[in-house]
Amino acid sequence: MIDVVVIGAGMAGLGAADELRRSGRSVVVVETGPVVGGLARAIRVEGEPVEPYYHHIFPQDRETRALIERLGLADRLEWRRGPMAVMHNGRTFAFDSPLDLLRFAPLSPFDRLRAGVATGVQLVRPDRHRLDRIPVSVEGPRWFGQRAYDTLWRPLLEAKFGPHADRIAMAWLVARIRQRGGSRGATGDRLGYLQGSLGALAEAYAARLASDGVELRLSTRVRELRQTPDGWQVDVDGPDGLDRLTAPIVIACVSGPVLQSIATLPPPYASAMQQVPYRGIVCALLELSRPLSSYYWVNVTDRLGLGCVGIIEHTNLVPTDRYGGRTLVYLAHYVAREDPTWSAAPEELVDAVIPAMQTLNARFSRDWIVDVHVNRDAFAQPVPRVGGPMPGLPIETGLPGLFHASLAHVYPDDRGVSKALGLGKRAALAAEAHFARVG
């Protein structure tokens, strides 16, 4: 019998399988999709792998950097500046450094200074756990000032979290500020990118695990999890038809709604899962015939037609010659599945953002767009609401041998490869503790 079945071959699932295999466990990883990597998988543009959703590596991403080193890919990790800007009221403002904030004309000098001091305080304040219980709509204006909060933070929170924006825990925003602050120097962000994309990292990781004896089953969907006297029965539907796996332990590296669709969870854990709303991501990756702007990342505070929150010009971080000279631009939208954006056609997503692209470059014309790749994920962003279960969400589900490792479990941090790898290790250690208890 298999020791552990891991559901999901994203970075958390691969990380869990790695830790368990190194402990001598037999592991099967089951993945619905045809490739590994999850949100960090790769697609191809002009023959070159690239993420369907924008990614980069922060200097403080120790787990990712250690994995890159371990897999012998360190010579492919590049460090570059990622110029950032804010689009507000039809104008674009550089936003790379404290000096840029002090020059941010939409705010008064006093508001700029207050916002700058408040941002610095968030980097060092020690009361994070208290902030789990305070909504950003209360704590944000108190620190940044109402005008700065309404200008810089509220539009982004509303675009990302929709109707939940006012109830987001301040701890989440502080974690985001600290993440960005850890990469920022006096002249802007220092960001890493792996040649060949993070998808290449996931594929190299999966190949290493396979060579170490981990069985990987791609294009295989879990139909049902059933508890048995000996552990768990996992019914799967793969390329070769229906199959049944049995193991004393299952680690489900999937979102709460997906886990609830395949397993009957104890009422307390099921209730906690139901209290975590999710926002989907719709990301349009545009291939352009020429550069759009000088910025890598533009936060959009203006309300665009279909809710685009960010314009990320990937080829201002990575050279265009990797992609046959094409400029690559991501348009990011966070939406509910009932939102019109979720099912919008590629041309609708593009049309809604044309005014913003012309703000970035007055010469921009729609005929610059050579191709559009649209990717969607329904459970990309758990919503960290005040009063919700995320601050204390356990990996243990309450059913012996069933563990859950989802994006909601990395609170107060947002998703990322390093966070996923760390989460996978936590789940594996919890599984090992279970083995120790039951002998």
Foldseek 3Di string as FASTA:
>chain_A
DFAEEEEAQALLSLLLLVLQVVVVGAYEYEYQAQAHHVQFAWDDFLRFTEGLDDDWAAPPLVQVQVLCVVLVQNVQKDKDFFWEWEQFPLAIFTDFALVSLCVVPVDDNVLSVQQSVLLVCLLDDDPLVVLLQPWCLVVVCVRSNPSCCLGPPQLLLCQAPPPQSRFFRVSLVSQVSNRLVSQGDRGGGIIMAGGRGVNVSSVSSVVVSVVSNYHYAYSKAFQAWDQDPQAIWTWIQHPVGIDIDDHNAYEYAEQLVVVVRHYDFPVVLNVLSVLWDAWKKKKKKWWFQDDQALGQKYAYSDQWDQRFGIKGFPCNGPPCVSNVNTTIIMTMGTHACVRPSVVDDPVVSVVRCVSVSCSRPVPDDPVRTPDMDIDMDNGQWTGSGNVHDLVPNAQDRPDQRYGYQYQSNLPSYGDDSSSSSVSSSVNSVVNVVSVVVVD
